C-alpha atoms as a PDB file:
ATOM      1  CA  MET A   1       3.827 -29.571 -13.859  1.00  0.00           C
ATOM      2  CA  ASP A   2       2.717 -26.791 -14.499  1.00  0.00           C
ATOM      3  CA  LYS A   3       4.843 -24.220 -15.536  1.00  0.00           C
ATOM      4  CA  ARG A   4       3.072 -20.752 -15.492  1.00  0.00           C
ATOM      5  CA  LYS A   5       4.396 -17.141 -16.126  1.00  0.00           C
ATOM      6  CA  THR A   6       3.281 -15.200 -13.191  1.00  0.00           C
ATOM      7  CA  GLY A   7       2.793 -11.552 -14.706  1.00  0.00           C
ATOM      8  CA  LEU A   8       2.804  -7.531 -14.077  1.00  0.00           C
ATOM      9  CA  ARG A   9      -1.379  -8.431 -13.765  1.00  0.00           C
ATOM     10  CA  GLU A  10      -1.591 -11.059 -11.711  1.00  0.00           C
ATOM     11  CA  ILE A  11       1.127  -9.775  -8.968  1.00  0.00           C
ATOM     12  CA  VAL A  12      -1.456  -6.314  -9.498  1.00  0.00           C
ATOM     13  CA  LEU A  13      -4.215  -8.091  -8.677  1.00  0.00           C
ATOM     14  CA  LEU A  14      -1.997  -9.661  -6.464  1.00  0.00           C
ATOM     15  CA  ALA A  15      -1.650  -6.558  -4.069  1.00  0.00           C
ATOM     16  CA  ALA A  16      -5.514  -5.774  -4.362  1.00  0.00           C
ATOM     17  CA  PRO A  17      -5.156  -2.167  -5.560  1.00  0.00           C
ATOM     18  CA  HIS A  18      -8.236  -1.714  -4.208  1.00  0.00           C
ATOM     19  CA  THR A  19      -8.211  -2.356  -0.685  1.00  0.00           C
ATOM     20  CA  TRP A  20      -4.767   0.933  -1.187  1.00  0.00           C
ATOM     21  CA  ALA A  21      -7.380   3.824   0.083  1.00  0.00           C
ATOM     22  CA  ALA A  22      -7.438   1.950   3.220  1.00  0.00           C
ATOM     23  CA  SER A  23      -3.547   2.553   3.631  1.00  0.00           C
ATOM     24  CA  CYS A  24      -3.910   5.939   2.053  1.00  0.00           C
ATOM     25  CA  VAL A  25      -6.849   7.838   3.553  1.00  0.00           C
ATOM     26  CA  PRO A  26      -4.205   7.220   7.046  1.00  0.00           C
ATOM     27  CA  ALA A  27      -1.011   8.744   5.576  1.00  0.00           C
ATOM     28  CA  LEU A  28      -2.843  10.859   3.823  1.00  0.00           C
ATOM     29  CA  LEU A  29      -4.482  12.207   6.234  1.00  0.00           C
ATOM     30  CA  ALA A  30      -0.994  12.650   8.411  1.00  0.00           C
ATOM     31  CA  ALA A  31      -0.155  14.887   6.506  1.00  0.00           C
ATOM     32  CA  VAL A  32      -2.609  17.221   6.464  1.00  0.00           C
ATOM     33  CA  LEU A  33      -2.294  17.106  10.669  1.00  0.00           C
ATOM     34  CA  ALA A  34       1.014  17.156  10.544  1.00  0.00           C
ATOM     35  CA  ARG A  35       0.453  20.280   8.259  1.00  0.00           C
ATOM     36  CA  VAL A  36      -2.413  22.369   9.837  1.00  0.00           C
ATOM     37  CA  HIS A  37      -0.142  21.664  13.753  1.00  0.00           C
ATOM     38  CA  THR A  38       3.270  22.863  12.166  1.00  0.00           C
ATOM     39  CA  GLY A  39       1.933  25.342   9.549  1.00  0.00           C
ATOM     40  CA  ARG A  40       5.146  23.309   7.130  1.00  0.00           C
ATOM     41  CA  VAL A  41       4.773  18.913   6.456  1.00  0.00           C
ATOM     42  CA  SER A  42       7.656  17.490   4.557  1.00  0.00           C
ATOM     43  CA  LEU A  43       6.888  16.355   0.924  1.00  0.00           C
ATOM     44  CA  MET A  44       9.102  13.854   0.273  1.00  0.00           C
ATOM     45  CA  MET A  45       8.665  12.329   4.099  1.00  0.00           C
ATOM     46  CA  ALA A  46       4.604  12.368   3.051  1.00  0.00           C
ATOM     47  CA  LEU A  47       5.693   9.899   0.249  1.00  0.00           C
ATOM     48  CA  LEU A  48       7.558   8.230   1.883  1.00  0.00           C
ATOM     49  CA  THR A  49       5.312   7.070   3.868  1.00  0.00           C
ATOM     50  CA  LEU A  50       2.611   6.419   1.974  1.00  0.00           C
ATOM     51  CA  LEU A  51       4.755   4.643  -0.862  1.00  0.00           C
ATOM     52  CA  ILE A  52       4.979   2.477   2.172  1.00  0.00           C
ATOM     53  CA  SER A  53       1.193   2.066   3.643  1.00  0.00           C
ATOM     54  CA  VAL A  54       0.657   1.676   0.198  1.00  0.00           C
ATOM     55  CA  LEU A  55       3.588  -1.410  -0.558  1.00  0.00           C
ATOM     56  CA  MET A  56       2.579  -3.010   3.541  1.00  0.00           C
ATOM     57  CA  GLN A  57      -0.790  -3.972   2.763  1.00  0.00           C
ATOM     58  CA  SER A  58      -0.004  -5.026  -0.316  1.00  0.00           C
ATOM     59  CA  ALA A  59       2.508  -7.123   2.038  1.00  0.00           C
ATOM     60  CA  VAL A  60       0.114  -7.898   3.885  1.00  0.00           C
ATOM     61  CA  ASN A  61      -3.198  -8.728   0.892  1.00  0.00           C
ATOM     62  CA  ALA A  62      -0.181 -10.772  -0.474  1.00  0.00           C
ATOM     63  CA  PHE A  63       0.542 -12.638   2.257  1.00  0.00           C
ATOM     64  CA  ASP A  64      -3.605 -12.661   3.074  1.00  0.00           C
ATOM     65  CA  ASP A  65      -4.044 -14.813   0.336  1.00  0.00           C
ATOM     66  CA  TYR A  66      -1.925 -17.399   0.477  1.00  0.00           C
ATOM     67  CA  SER A  67      -2.670 -18.314   3.847  1.00  0.00           C
ATOM     68  CA  ASP A  68      -6.304 -18.519   2.131  1.00  0.00           C
ATOM     69  CA  TYR A  69      -4.761 -20.383  -0.203  1.00  0.00           C
ATOM     70  CA  ILE A  70      -2.529 -23.380   1.960  1.00  0.00           C
END
């Protein structure tokens, strides 16, 4: 039985960082539009939105790779 350890490199590759732009651009655009429309924007909310969108994109990439494997 193969008992290889999963390293940080494999985890990052599974998250597919080259696709993160697909989630970063809409989150950043939303922050810019909020600033233009209201004249203010919560930096903490913008960063949390960006982080959540990147984590969701990473999860979708991991599930997609898993389903391709099966």
